[in-house]
Amino acid sequence: MTRVAVFGAGSWGTAFAMVLADAGCEVTLWGRRREVVDAINTAHTNPDYLPGFELPVGVRATTDPAEAARGAEFTVLTVPSQTLRGNLAEWAPVLPADTVLVSLMKGVELGTAKRMSEVIEEVAKAPAERVAVITGPNLAKEIAGRMPAAAVVACRDEDVARRLQSACHTSYFRPYTNTDVVGCELGGAVKNVIGLAVGIADGMGLGDNTKASLMTRGLAETTRLGLAMGADPHTFSGLAGMGDLIATCSSPLSRNHTFGTNLGRGMTLQETIAVTKQTAEGVKSCESVLDLARRHGVDMPLTETVVDIVHNGKPPLVALKELMSRSAKPERS
């Protein structure tokens, strides 16, 4: 039986642990808080992050990183992206030397502008062929409810991608392989920023034309950045690009969309943070995505607008007028 360690007992980590167990894996879920771990082990539920969902008996939890990692063929990392470096530095000494490190995180590190796979390679001193990414339109509560969904398993080593694909393939979760790690990660990170923008538009009471325009131009920004970084442009029309973008921008289950909606309704950043129970990755990653774009000389006006609203205090209506008054240009430019 394939042993898998999942580091992070939040909603997505817990839901993905369910997928792995349903696929026949033996799963150990690491959690920081003792009460969450105890609830998983005794009541087979995670009341703080996935209330109302019963976890498979193949999922057990621990607060001990060494116990979670012991014998793991795959080590899944699912913590807030800005905490990955510190957490992984603590866990790396107990990880098996040949374990495949799997990122479920969708962000870009502040300061370094590094993708999550790059942080993993650096901190764990792991070759790129041993680092994989799982991404796509995967809202945790729907996955926990075993609603049909698809995802992308990306790794530079296609054999590793296939092994991981097999480890998480169930009757309701269909993973596809891809070797374009850069494109898959960018799709996941930038869609959070676009999700904020669409949420802000919703909160302002703007219509479907506005939201469709934001999504489409947001995808264009993502693709421009991807091309500058060597990604395959086809990735952005697939599950890791358009698929994830649609889910994030359309669903009330999306943290980034909900966060943006509150900002669009007039709440301040601090007020919105106060009512948000889980991490909305785009809030911090919008700054690092913009940093990454500038490092590669890529124009991302929508991302810049989100940064202005979220971090620079620009009123959404003012930001929208400035965005709409930009000089006219061809669509494919």
C-alpha atoms as a PDB file:
ATOM      1  CA  MET A   1       0.000   0.000   0.000  1.00  0.00           C
ATOM      2  CA  THR A   2       1.298   3.466  -0.923  1.00  0.00           C
ATOM      3  CA  ARG A   3       2.111   5.574   2.141  1.00  0.00           C
ATOM      4  CA  VAL A   4       1.468   9.318   1.873  1.00  0.00           C
ATOM      5  CA  ALA A   5       2.150  12.118   4.328  1.00  0.00           C
ATOM      6  CA  VAL A   6       0.016  15.250   4.105  1.00  0.00           C
ATOM      7  CA  PHE A   7       1.442  18.273   5.915  1.00  0.00           C
ATOM      8  CA  GLY A   8      -1.401  20.682   6.608  1.00  0.00           C
ATOM      9  CA  ALA A   9      -4.806  19.839   8.085  1.00  0.00           C
ATOM     10  CA  GLY A  10      -6.724  22.764   6.631  1.00  0.00           C
ATOM     11  CA  SER A  11      -9.678  22.310   4.302  1.00  0.00           C
ATOM     12  CA  TRP A  12      -7.735  21.415   1.143  1.00  0.00           C
ATOM     13  CA  GLY A  13      -5.173  19.261   2.943  1.00  0.00           C
ATOM     14  CA  THR A  14      -7.946  17.324   4.651  1.00  0.00           C
ATOM     15  CA  ALA A  15      -9.985  16.964   1.451  1.00  0.00           C
ATOM     16  CA  PHE A  16      -6.976  15.742  -0.493  1.00  0.00           C
ATOM     17  CA  ALA A  17      -6.169  13.270   2.284  1.00  0.00           C
ATOM     18  CA  MET A  18      -9.678  11.892   1.691  1.00  0.00           C
ATOM     19  CA  VAL A  19      -8.965  11.547  -2.033  1.00  0.00           C
ATOM     20  CA  LEU A  20      -5.732   9.683  -1.356  1.00  0.00           C
ATOM     21  CA  ALA A  21      -7.410   7.320   1.120  1.00  0.00           C
ATOM     22  CA  ASP A  22     -10.266   6.678  -1.306  1.00  0.00           C
ATOM     23  CA  ALA A  23      -7.631   5.840  -3.934  1.00  0.00           C
ATOM     24  CA  GLY A  24      -6.241   3.143  -1.630  1.00  0.00           C
ATOM     25  CA  CYS A  25      -3.344   4.974   0.034  1.00  0.00           C
ATOM     26  CA  GLU A  26      -2.398   4.865   3.707  1.00  0.00           C
ATOM     27  CA  VAL A  27      -2.490   8.533   4.723  1.00  0.00           C
ATOM     28  CA  THR A  28      -1.007  10.310   7.735  1.00  0.00           C
ATOM     29  CA  LEU A  29      -2.144  13.893   8.100  1.00  0.00           C
ATOM     30  CA  TRP A  30       0.060  16.293  10.047  1.00  0.00           C
ATOM     31  CA  GLY A  31      -1.751  19.042  11.938  1.00  0.00           C
ATOM     32  CA  ARG A  32      -0.409  21.846  14.109  1.00  0.00           C
ATOM     33  CA  ARG A  33      -3.298  21.897  16.583  1.00  0.00           C
ATOM     34  CA  ARG A  34      -3.851  18.966  18.935  1.00  0.00           C
ATOM     35  CA  GLU A  35      -7.643  19.432  19.049  1.00  0.00           C
ATOM     36  CA  VAL A  36      -7.913  19.114  15.260  1.00  0.00           C
ATOM     37  CA  VAL A  37      -5.730  15.998  15.236  1.00  0.00           C
ATOM     38  CA  ASP A  38      -7.739  14.420  18.048  1.00  0.00           C
ATOM     39  CA  ALA A  39     -11.036  15.097  16.257  1.00  0.00           C
ATOM     40  CA  ILE A  40      -9.710  13.448  13.083  1.00  0.00           C
ATOM     41  CA  ASN A  41      -8.513  10.366  14.966  1.00  0.00           C
ATOM     42  CA  THR A  42     -11.507   9.884  17.258  1.00  0.00           C
ATOM     43  CA  ALA A  43     -14.512  11.277  15.369  1.00  0.00           C
ATOM     44  CA  HIS A  44     -13.136  10.971  11.806  1.00  0.00           C
ATOM     45  CA  THR A  45     -14.008  14.575  11.073  1.00  0.00           C
ATOM     46  CA  ASN A  46     -12.298  17.963  10.904  1.00  0.00           C
ATOM     47  CA  PRO A  47     -14.877  20.253  12.504  1.00  0.00           C
ATOM     48  CA  ASP A  48     -12.794  23.414  12.162  1.00  0.00           C
ATOM     49  CA  TYR A  49     -12.148  23.184   8.413  1.00  0.00           C
ATOM     50  CA  LEU A  50     -14.514  20.601   6.891  1.00  0.00           C
ATOM     51  CA  PRO A  51     -17.466  20.295   9.274  1.00  0.00           C
ATOM     52  CA  GLY A  52     -20.060  17.719   8.337  1.00  0.00           C
ATOM     53  CA  PHE A  53     -17.775  15.470   6.288  1.00  0.00           C
ATOM     54  CA  GLU A  54     -16.784  12.019   7.544  1.00  0.00           C
ATOM     55  CA  LEU A  55     -13.178  11.103   6.807  1.00  0.00           C
ATOM     56  CA  PRO A  56     -12.174   7.638   5.564  1.00  0.00           C
ATOM     57  CA  VAL A  57     -10.691   5.237   8.111  1.00  0.00           C
ATOM     58  CA  GLY A  58      -7.510   5.279   6.004  1.00  0.00           C
ATOM     59  CA  VAL A  59      -6.752   8.806   7.243  1.00  0.00           C
ATOM     60  CA  ARG A  60      -5.080   9.242  10.613  1.00  0.00           C
ATOM     61  CA  ALA A  61      -3.533  12.387  12.060  1.00  0.00           C
ATOM     62  CA  THR A  62      -0.572  13.399  14.194  1.00  0.00           C
ATOM     63  CA  THR A  63       1.185  16.502  15.488  1.00  0.00           C
ATOM     64  CA  ASP A  64       4.584  14.792  15.092  1.00  0.00           C
ATOM     65  CA  PRO A  65       6.263  15.584  11.730  1.00  0.00           C
ATOM     66  CA  ALA A  66       8.557  12.550  11.974  1.00  0.00           C
ATOM     67  CA  GLU A  67       5.634  10.208  12.530  1.00  0.00           C
ATOM     68  CA  ALA A  68       3.752  11.705   9.584  1.00  0.00           C
ATOM     69  CA  ALA A  69       6.753  11.422   7.252  1.00  0.00           C
ATOM     70  CA  ARG A  70       7.850   7.916   8.168  1.00  0.00           C
ATOM     71  CA  GLY A  71       8.004   5.712   5.064  1.00  0.00           C
ATOM     72  CA  ALA A  72       6.098   8.182   2.877  1.00  0.00           C
ATOM     73  CA  GLU A  73       6.451   7.631  -0.867  1.00  0.00           C
ATOM     74  CA  PHE A  74       4.766  11.004  -1.402  1.00  0.00           C
ATOM     75  CA  THR A  75       4.910  14.007   0.929  1.00  0.00           C
ATOM     76  CA  VAL A  76       2.120  16.486   0.230  1.00  0.00           C
ATOM     77  CA  LEU A  77       2.651  20.073   1.362  1.00  0.00           C
ATOM     78  CA  THR A  78      -0.441  22.193   1.853  1.00  0.00           C
ATOM     79  CA  VAL A  79       0.216  25.173   4.112  1.00  0.00           C
ATOM     80  CA  PRO A  80      -0.173  28.906   3.371  1.00  0.00           C
ATOM     81  CA  SER A  81       2.394  29.719   0.695  1.00  0.00           C
ATOM     82  CA  GLN A  82       4.108  32.450   2.710  1.00  0.00           C
ATOM     83  CA  THR A  83       4.788  30.022   5.572  1.00  0.00           C
ATOM     84  CA  LEU A  84       6.187  27.209   3.410  1.00  0.00           C
ATOM     85  CA  ARG A  85       9.861  28.138   3.710  1.00  0.00           C
ATOM     86  CA  GLY A  86       9.883  28.193   7.505  1.00  0.00           C
ATOM     87  CA  ASN A  87       7.725  25.098   7.884  1.00  0.00           C
ATOM     88  CA  LEU A  88       9.665  23.022   5.371  1.00  0.00           C
ATOM     89  CA  ALA A  89      13.003  23.957   6.939  1.00  0.00           C
ATOM     90  CA  GLU A  90      11.659  22.443  10.155  1.00  0.00           C
ATOM     91  CA  TRP A  91      10.284  19.298   8.476  1.00  0.00           C
ATOM     92  CA  ALA A  92      13.044  18.591   5.937  1.00  0.00           C
ATOM     93  CA  PRO A  93      15.359  16.657   8.318  1.00  0.00           C
ATOM     94  CA  VAL A  94      12.697  13.989   8.950  1.00  0.00           C
ATOM     95  CA  LEU A  95      11.529  13.501   5.359  1.00  0.00           C
ATOM     96  CA  PRO A  96      12.526  10.261   3.578  1.00  0.00           C
ATOM     97  CA  ALA A  97      15.419  10.833   1.166  1.00  0.00           C
ATOM     98  CA  ASP A  98      13.489   9.510  -1.837  1.00  0.00           C
ATOM     99  CA  THR A  99      10.024  10.896  -1.095  1.00  0.00           C
ATOM    100  CA  VAL A 100       8.306  12.870  -3.866  1.00  0.00           C
ATOM    101  CA  LEU A 101       7.472  16.355  -2.588  1.00  0.00           C
ATOM    102  CA  VAL A 102       4.035  17.469  -3.766  1.00  0.00           C
ATOM    103  CA  SER A 103       2.819  21.074  -3.642  1.00  0.00           C
ATOM    104  CA  LEU A 104      -0.893  21.839  -3.334  1.00  0.00           C
ATOM    105  CA  MET A 105      -0.099  25.520  -2.735  1.00  0.00           C
ATOM    106  CA  LYS A 106      -1.035  28.306  -5.141  1.00  0.00           C
ATOM    107  CA  GLY A 107       1.142  31.304  -4.444  1.00  0.00           C
ATOM    108  CA  VAL A 108       4.394  33.134  -5.125  1.00  0.00           C
ATOM    109  CA  GLU A 109       6.771  33.861  -2.259  1.00  0.00           C
ATOM    110  CA  LEU A 110       7.046  37.467  -1.136  1.00  0.00           C
ATOM    111  CA  GLY A 111      10.543  38.911  -1.429  1.00  0.00           C
ATOM    112  CA  THR A 112      12.022  36.180  -3.613  1.00  0.00           C
ATOM    113  CA  ALA A 113       9.180  35.964  -6.191  1.00  0.00           C
ATOM    114  CA  LYS A 114       9.776  32.206  -6.241  1.00  0.00           C
ATOM    115  CA  ARG A 115       7.159  29.642  -7.135  1.00  0.00           C
ATOM    116  CA  MET A 116       6.357  27.035  -4.502  1.00  0.00           C
ATOM    117  CA  SER A 117       8.232  24.255  -6.320  1.00  0.00           C
ATOM    118  CA  GLU A 118      11.332  26.458  -6.374  1.00  0.00           C
ATOM    119  CA  VAL A 119      11.069  27.040  -2.624  1.00  0.00           C
ATOM    120  CA  ILE A 120      10.708  23.290  -2.085  1.00  0.00           C
ATOM    121  CA  GLU A 121      13.745  22.505  -4.232  1.00  0.00           C
ATOM    122  CA  GLU A 122      15.818  25.099  -2.394  1.00  0.00           C
ATOM    123  CA  VAL A 123      14.819  24.287   1.187  1.00  0.00           C
ATOM    124  CA  ALA A 124      14.589  20.490   0.885  1.00  0.00           C
ATOM    125  CA  LYS A 125      17.598  20.335  -1.464  1.00  0.00           C
ATOM    126  CA  ALA A 126      15.508  18.177  -3.788  1.00  0.00           C
ATOM    127  CA  PRO A 127      15.993  17.841  -7.555  1.00  0.00           C
ATOM    128  CA  ALA A 128      13.200  19.186  -9.750  1.00  0.00           C
ATOM    129  CA  GLU A 129      12.421  15.618 -10.866  1.00  0.00           C
ATOM    130  CA  ARG A 130      11.339  14.828  -7.295  1.00  0.00           C
ATOM    131  CA  VAL A 131       9.008  17.815  -6.921  1.00  0.00           C
ATOM    132  CA  ALA A 132       5.432  17.748  -8.226  1.00  0.00           C
ATOM    133  CA  VAL A 133       2.432  20.073  -8.255  1.00  0.00           C
ATOM    134  CA  ILE A 134      -1.287  19.301  -8.113  1.00  0.00           C
ATOM    135  CA  THR A 135      -3.572  22.075  -9.292  1.00  0.00           C
ATOM    136  CA  GLY A 136      -6.851  22.784 -11.038  1.00  0.00           C
ATOM    137  CA  PRO A 137     -10.488  23.647 -10.237  1.00  0.00           C
ATOM    138  CA  ASN A 138     -10.550  21.911  -6.861  1.00  0.00           C
ATOM    139  CA  LEU A 139     -12.760  23.622  -4.284  1.00  0.00           C
ATOM    140  CA  ALA A 140     -12.185  21.696  -1.072  1.00  0.00           C
ATOM    141  CA  LYS A 141     -15.802  21.321   0.075  1.00  0.00           C
ATOM    142  CA  GLU A 142     -16.888  19.928  -3.280  1.00  0.00           C
ATOM    143  CA  ILE A 143     -14.001  17.443  -3.290  1.00  0.00           C
ATOM    144  CA  ALA A 144     -14.879  16.419   0.278  1.00  0.00           C
ATOM    145  CA  GLY A 145     -18.433  15.851  -0.941  1.00  0.00           C
ATOM    146  CA  ARG A 146     -16.984  13.556  -3.630  1.00  0.00           C
ATOM    147  CA  MET A 147     -18.411  15.655  -6.448  1.00  0.00           C
ATOM    148  CA  PRO A 148     -16.733  14.879  -9.802  1.00  0.00           C
ATOM    149  CA  ALA A 149     -13.644  16.996 -10.448  1.00  0.00           C
ATOM    150  CA  ALA A 150     -10.485  16.956 -12.520  1.00  0.00           C
ATOM    151  CA  ALA A 151      -6.970  18.178 -11.748  1.00  0.00           C
ATOM    152  CA  VAL A 152      -3.473  18.375 -13.176  1.00  0.00           C
ATOM    153  CA  VAL A 153      -0.500  16.478 -11.761  1.00  0.00           C
ATOM    154  CA  ALA A 154       2.617  18.269 -12.975  1.00  0.00           C
ATOM    155  CA  CYS A 155       6.221  17.132 -12.671  1.00  0.00           C
ATOM    156  CA  ARG A 156       9.274  17.515 -14.863  1.00  0.00           C
ATOM    157  CA  ASP A 157       9.681  13.719 -14.661  1.00  0.00           C
ATOM    158  CA  GLU A 158       6.671  12.240 -16.444  1.00  0.00           C
ATOM    159  CA  ASP A 159       7.096   8.846 -14.740  1.00  0.00           C
ATOM    160  CA  VAL A 160       6.815  10.524 -11.339  1.00  0.00           C
ATOM    161  CA  ALA A 161       3.712  12.374 -12.532  1.00  0.00           C
ATOM    162  CA  ARG A 162       2.135   9.079 -13.589  1.00  0.00           C
ATOM    163  CA  ARG A 163       2.899   7.461 -10.213  1.00  0.00           C
ATOM    164  CA  LEU A 164       1.285  10.366  -8.400  1.00  0.00           C
ATOM    165  CA  GLN A 165      -1.640  10.325 -10.813  1.00  0.00           C
ATOM    166  CA  SER A 166      -2.277   6.690  -9.919  1.00  0.00           C
ATOM    167  CA  ALA A 167      -2.031   7.439  -6.191  1.00  0.00           C
ATOM    168  CA  CYS A 168      -4.867  10.007  -6.283  1.00  0.00           C
ATOM    169  CA  HIS A 169      -7.152   8.710  -9.056  1.00  0.00           C
ATOM    170  CA  THR A 170     -10.635   7.868  -7.785  1.00  0.00           C
ATOM    171  CA  SER A 171     -14.121   7.507  -9.223  1.00  0.00           C
ATOM    172  CA  TYR A 172     -14.754  11.217  -8.588  1.00  0.00           C
ATOM    173  CA  PHE A 173     -11.256  12.754  -8.833  1.00  0.00           C
ATOM    174  CA  ARG A 174      -9.657  12.518 -12.278  1.00  0.00           C
ATOM    175  CA  PRO A 175      -6.043  13.758 -12.499  1.00  0.00           C
ATOM    176  CA  TYR A 176      -4.252  14.442 -15.797  1.00  0.00           C
ATOM    177  CA  THR A 177      -0.445  14.581 -16.134  1.00  0.00           C
ATOM    178  CA  ASN A 178       1.584  17.511 -17.397  1.00  0.00           C
ATOM    179  CA  THR A 179       5.319  18.291 -17.459  1.00  0.00           C
ATOM    180  CA  ASP A 180       4.843  22.085 -17.546  1.00  0.00           C
ATOM    181  CA  VAL A 181       5.373  22.819 -13.846  1.00  0.00           C
ATOM    182  CA  VAL A 182       5.973  26.544 -14.464  1.00  0.00           C
ATOM    183  CA  GLY A 183       2.705  27.033 -16.335  1.00  0.00           C
ATOM    184  CA  CYS A 184       0.664  24.989 -13.883  1.00  0.00           C
ATOM    185  CA  GLU A 185       1.985  26.927 -10.891  1.00  0.00           C
ATOM    186  CA  LEU A 186       1.492  30.318 -12.515  1.00  0.00           C
ATOM    187  CA  GLY A 187      -2.081  29.437 -13.455  1.00  0.00           C
ATOM    188  CA  GLY A 188      -2.845  28.576  -9.848  1.00  0.00           C
ATOM    189  CA  ALA A 189      -1.142  31.621  -8.351  1.00  0.00           C
ATOM    190  CA  VAL A 190      -2.435  34.315 -10.700  1.00  0.00           C
ATOM    191  CA  LYS A 191      -6.021  33.030 -10.712  1.00  0.00           C
ATOM    192  CA  ASN A 192      -6.199  33.967  -7.020  1.00  0.00           C
ATOM    193  CA  VAL A 193      -5.404  37.562  -7.953  1.00  0.00           C
ATOM    194  CA  ILE A 194      -8.040  37.555 -10.706  1.00  0.00           C
ATOM    195  CA  GLY A 195     -10.468  35.963  -8.247  1.00  0.00           C
ATOM    196  CA  LEU A 196     -10.006  38.987  -5.989  1.00  0.00           C
ATOM    197  CA  ALA A 197     -10.680  41.313  -8.930  1.00  0.00           C
ATOM    198  CA  VAL A 198     -13.874  39.503  -9.919  1.00  0.00           C
ATOM    199  CA  GLY A 199     -14.989  39.423  -6.287  1.00  0.00           C
ATOM    200  CA  ILE A 200     -14.447  43.181  -6.020  1.00  0.00           C
ATOM    201  CA  ALA A 201     -16.572  43.649  -9.156  1.00  0.00           C
ATOM    202  CA  ASP A 202     -19.304  41.494  -7.627  1.00  0.00           C
ATOM    203  CA  GLY A 203     -19.183  43.513  -4.417  1.00  0.00           C
ATOM    204  CA  MET A 204     -19.540  46.718  -6.431  1.00  0.00           C
ATOM    205  CA  GLY A 205     -22.657  45.324  -8.088  1.00  0.00           C
ATOM    206  CA  LEU A 206     -21.152  45.184 -11.566  1.00  0.00           C
ATOM    207  CA  GLY A 207     -22.509  42.769 -14.136  1.00  0.00           C
ATOM    208  CA  ASP A 208     -21.531  39.599 -15.935  1.00  0.00           C
ATOM    209  CA  ASN A 209     -19.916  41.503 -18.809  1.00  0.00           C
ATOM    210  CA  THR A 210     -17.479  43.061 -16.348  1.00  0.00           C
ATOM    211  CA  LYS A 211     -16.673  39.741 -14.720  1.00  0.00           C
ATOM    212  CA  ALA A 212     -16.194  37.954 -18.040  1.00  0.00           C
ATOM    213  CA  SER A 213     -13.896  40.736 -19.209  1.00  0.00           C
ATOM    214  CA  LEU A 214     -11.823  40.568 -16.022  1.00  0.00           C
ATOM    215  CA  MET A 215     -11.475  36.800 -16.293  1.00  0.00           C
ATOM    216  CA  THR A 216     -10.482  36.903 -19.942  1.00  0.00           C
ATOM    217  CA  ARG A 217      -7.988  39.734 -19.597  1.00  0.00           C
ATOM    218  CA  GLY A 218      -6.678  38.124 -16.413  1.00  0.00           C
ATOM    219  CA  LEU A 219      -5.996  34.951 -18.336  1.00  0.00           C
ATOM    220  CA  ALA A 220      -4.203  37.011 -20.974  1.00  0.00           C
ATOM    221  CA  GLU A 221      -1.956  38.492 -18.264  1.00  0.00           C
ATOM    222  CA  THR A 222      -1.228  35.022 -16.903  1.00  0.00           C
ATOM    223  CA  THR A 223      -0.336  33.727 -20.350  1.00  0.00           C
ATOM    224  CA  ARG A 224       1.990  36.677 -21.059  1.00  0.00           C
ATOM    225  CA  LEU A 225       3.852  36.030 -17.836  1.00  0.00           C
ATOM    226  CA  GLY A 226       3.967  32.308 -18.528  1.00  0.00           C
ATOM    227  CA  LEU A 227       5.438  32.804 -21.992  1.00  0.00           C
ATOM    228  CA  ALA A 228       8.120  35.095 -20.572  1.00  0.00           C
ATOM    229  CA  MET A 229       9.022  32.355 -18.070  1.00  0.00           C
ATOM    230  CA  GLY A 230       9.121  29.526 -20.602  1.00  0.00           C
ATOM    231  CA  ALA A 231       5.733  27.940 -19.920  1.00  0.00           C
ATOM    232  CA  ASP A 232       3.660  26.137 -22.541  1.00  0.00           C
ATOM    233  CA  PRO A 233       0.833  28.507 -23.593  1.00  0.00           C
ATOM    234  CA  HIS A 234      -1.543  25.531 -23.996  1.00  0.00           C
ATOM    235  CA  THR A 235      -1.389  24.985 -20.231  1.00  0.00           C
ATOM    236  CA  PHE A 236      -3.410  28.149 -19.660  1.00  0.00           C
ATOM    237  CA  SER A 237      -6.353  26.928 -21.730  1.00  0.00           C
ATOM    238  CA  GLY A 238      -6.549  23.756 -19.638  1.00  0.00           C
ATOM    239  CA  LEU A 239      -7.492  22.785 -16.089  1.00  0.00           C
ATOM    240  CA  ALA A 240      -4.543  24.576 -14.461  1.00  0.00           C
ATOM    241  CA  GLY A 241      -5.397  27.800 -16.265  1.00  0.00           C
ATOM    242  CA  MET A 242      -8.936  28.449 -17.457  1.00  0.00           C
ATOM    243  CA  GLY A 243     -10.437  25.629 -15.386  1.00  0.00           C
ATOM    244  CA  ASP A 244      -9.073  26.889 -12.082  1.00  0.00           C
ATOM    245  CA  LEU A 245      -9.846  30.488 -13.013  1.00  0.00           C
ATOM    246  CA  ILE A 246     -13.527  29.714 -13.686  1.00  0.00           C
ATOM    247  CA  ALA A 247     -13.960  27.899 -10.368  1.00  0.00           C
ATOM    248  CA  THR A 248     -12.260  30.638  -8.360  1.00  0.00           C
ATOM    249  CA  CYS A 249     -14.093  33.511 -10.033  1.00  0.00           C
ATOM    250  CA  SER A 250     -17.528  31.873 -10.078  1.00  0.00           C
ATOM    251  CA  SER A 251     -17.980  30.120  -6.752  1.00  0.00           C
ATOM    252  CA  PRO A 252     -18.990  31.508  -3.349  1.00  0.00           C
ATOM    253  CA  LEU A 253     -16.776  28.727  -1.938  1.00  0.00           C
ATOM    254  CA  SER A 254     -13.715  30.558  -3.269  1.00  0.00           C
ATOM    255  CA  ARG A 255     -11.883  32.390  -0.479  1.00  0.00           C
ATOM    256  CA  ASN A 256     -10.330  34.914  -2.849  1.00  0.00           C
ATOM    257  CA  HIS A 257     -13.643  35.716  -4.549  1.00  0.00           C
ATOM    258  CA  THR A 258     -15.334  36.160  -1.160  1.00  0.00           C
ATOM    259  CA  PHE A 259     -12.494  38.337   0.118  1.00  0.00           C
ATOM    260  CA  GLY A 260     -12.747  40.534  -2.961  1.00  0.00           C
ATOM    261  CA  THR A 261     -16.524  40.786  -2.645  1.00  0.00           C
ATOM    262  CA  ASN A 262     -16.168  42.207   0.859  1.00  0.00           C
ATOM    263  CA  LEU A 263     -13.645  44.782  -0.372  1.00  0.00           C
ATOM    264  CA  GLY A 264     -15.976  45.741  -3.225  1.00  0.00           C
ATOM    265  CA  ARG A 265     -18.793  46.292  -0.754  1.00  0.00           C
ATOM    266  CA  GLY A 266     -16.700  48.895   1.035  1.00  0.00           C
ATOM    267  CA  MET A 267     -15.028  46.948   3.834  1.00  0.00           C
ATOM    268  CA  THR A 268     -11.440  47.900   4.651  1.00  0.00           C
ATOM    269  CA  LEU A 269      -8.597  45.420   4.293  1.00  0.00           C
ATOM    270  CA  GLN A 270      -8.397  44.900   8.044  1.00  0.00           C
ATOM    271  CA  GLU A 271     -12.171  44.469   8.360  1.00  0.00           C
ATOM    272  CA  THR A 272     -12.112  41.879   5.574  1.00  0.00           C
ATOM    273  CA  ILE A 273      -9.204  39.993   7.142  1.00  0.00           C
ATOM    274  CA  ALA A 274     -11.084  39.945  10.449  1.00  0.00           C
ATOM    275  CA  VAL A 275     -14.117  38.167   8.954  1.00  0.00           C
ATOM    276  CA  THR A 276     -12.055  35.753   6.825  1.00  0.00           C
ATOM    277  CA  LYS A 277     -11.457  32.466   8.637  1.00  0.00           C
ATOM    278  CA  GLN A 278      -9.020  30.899   6.155  1.00  0.00           C
ATOM    279  CA  THR A 279      -6.138  32.167   4.038  1.00  0.00           C
ATOM    280  CA  ALA A 280      -6.999  33.940   0.788  1.00  0.00           C
ATOM    281  CA  GLU A 281      -3.684  33.422  -0.995  1.00  0.00           C
ATOM    282  CA  GLY A 282      -4.208  36.208  -3.517  1.00  0.00           C
ATOM    283  CA  VAL A 283      -4.116  38.891  -0.809  1.00  0.00           C
ATOM    284  CA  LYS A 284      -0.372  38.497  -0.328  1.00  0.00           C
ATOM    285  CA  SER A 285       0.479  36.853  -3.634  1.00  0.00           C
ATOM    286  CA  CYS A 286      -0.837  39.778  -5.689  1.00  0.00           C
ATOM    287  CA  GLU A 287       2.255  41.709  -4.573  1.00  0.00           C
ATOM    288  CA  SER A 288       4.662  38.869  -5.322  1.00  0.00           C
ATOM    289  CA  VAL A 289       2.988  38.134  -8.681  1.00  0.00           C
ATOM    290  CA  LEU A 290       3.425  41.793  -9.633  1.00  0.00           C
ATOM    291  CA  ASP A 291       7.052  41.616  -8.482  1.00  0.00           C
ATOM    292  CA  LEU A 292       7.560  38.508 -10.645  1.00  0.00           C
ATOM    293  CA  ALA A 293       5.995  40.252 -13.648  1.00  0.00           C
ATOM    294  CA  ARG A 294       8.246  43.285 -13.278  1.00  0.00           C
ATOM    295  CA  ARG A 295      11.324  41.063 -13.008  1.00  0.00           C
ATOM    296  CA  HIS A 296      10.373  39.577 -16.376  1.00  0.00           C
ATOM    297  CA  GLY A 297       9.307  42.851 -17.968  1.00  0.00           C
ATOM    298  CA  VAL A 298       5.663  41.787 -18.335  1.00  0.00           C
ATOM    299  CA  ASP A 299       2.793  44.295 -18.187  1.00  0.00           C
ATOM    300  CA  MET A 300       0.012  43.093 -15.833  1.00  0.00           C
ATOM    301  CA  PRO A 301      -2.368  46.041 -15.346  1.00  0.00           C
ATOM    302  CA  LEU A 302      -5.137  44.014 -13.725  1.00  0.00           C
ATOM    303  CA  THR A 303      -2.748  42.574 -11.145  1.00  0.00           C
ATOM    304  CA  GLU A 304      -1.395  46.071 -10.514  1.00  0.00           C
ATOM    305  CA  THR A 305      -4.951  47.347  -9.979  1.00  0.00           C
ATOM    306  CA  VAL A 306      -5.622  44.614  -7.402  1.00  0.00           C
ATOM    307  CA  VAL A 307      -2.437  45.556  -5.533  1.00  0.00           C
ATOM    308  CA  ASP A 308      -3.518  49.210  -5.540  1.00  0.00           C
ATOM    309  CA  ILE A 309      -6.919  48.354  -4.070  1.00  0.00           C
ATOM    310  CA  VAL A 310      -5.796  45.722  -1.555  1.00  0.00           C
ATOM    311  CA  HIS A 311      -2.518  47.200  -0.329  1.00  0.00           C
ATOM    312  CA  ASN A 312      -2.382  50.841  -1.394  1.00  0.00           C
ATOM    313  CA  GLY A 313      -5.869  51.841  -0.296  1.00  0.00           C
ATOM    314  CA  LYS A 314      -7.093  52.974  -3.697  1.00  0.00           C
ATOM    315  CA  PRO A 315     -10.921  53.063  -3.825  1.00  0.00           C
ATOM    316  CA  PRO A 316     -12.233  50.337  -6.160  1.00  0.00           C
ATOM    317  CA  LEU A 317     -14.265  52.828  -8.225  1.00  0.00           C
ATOM    318  CA  VAL A 318     -11.197  55.022  -8.828  1.00  0.00           C
ATOM    319  CA  ALA A 319      -9.093  51.977  -9.712  1.00  0.00           C
ATOM    320  CA  LEU A 320     -11.754  50.750 -12.143  1.00  0.00           C
ATOM    321  CA  LYS A 321     -11.936  54.112 -13.930  1.00  0.00           C
ATOM    322  CA  GLU A 322      -8.144  54.189 -14.290  1.00  0.00           C
ATOM    323  CA  LEU A 323      -8.107  50.628 -15.642  1.00  0.00           C
ATOM    324  CA  MET A 324     -10.836  51.373 -18.187  1.00  0.00           C
ATOM    325  CA  SER A 325      -9.158  54.581 -19.357  1.00  0.00           C
ATOM    326  CA  ARG A 326      -5.913  52.906 -20.397  1.00  0.00           C
ATOM    327  CA  SER A 327      -4.914  53.534 -24.000  1.00  0.00           C
ATOM    328  CA  ALA A 328      -6.640  51.337 -26.599  1.00  0.00           C
ATOM    329  CA  LYS A 329      -4.631  48.500 -28.125  1.00  0.00           C
ATOM    330  CA  PRO A 330      -5.056  45.253 -30.102  1.00  0.00           C
ATOM    331  CA  GLU A 331      -6.409  42.324 -28.076  1.00  0.00           C
ATOM    332  CA  ARG A 332      -3.357  40.164 -28.725  1.00  0.00           C
ATOM    333  CA  SER A 333      -0.594  42.461 -27.616  1.00  0.00           C
END
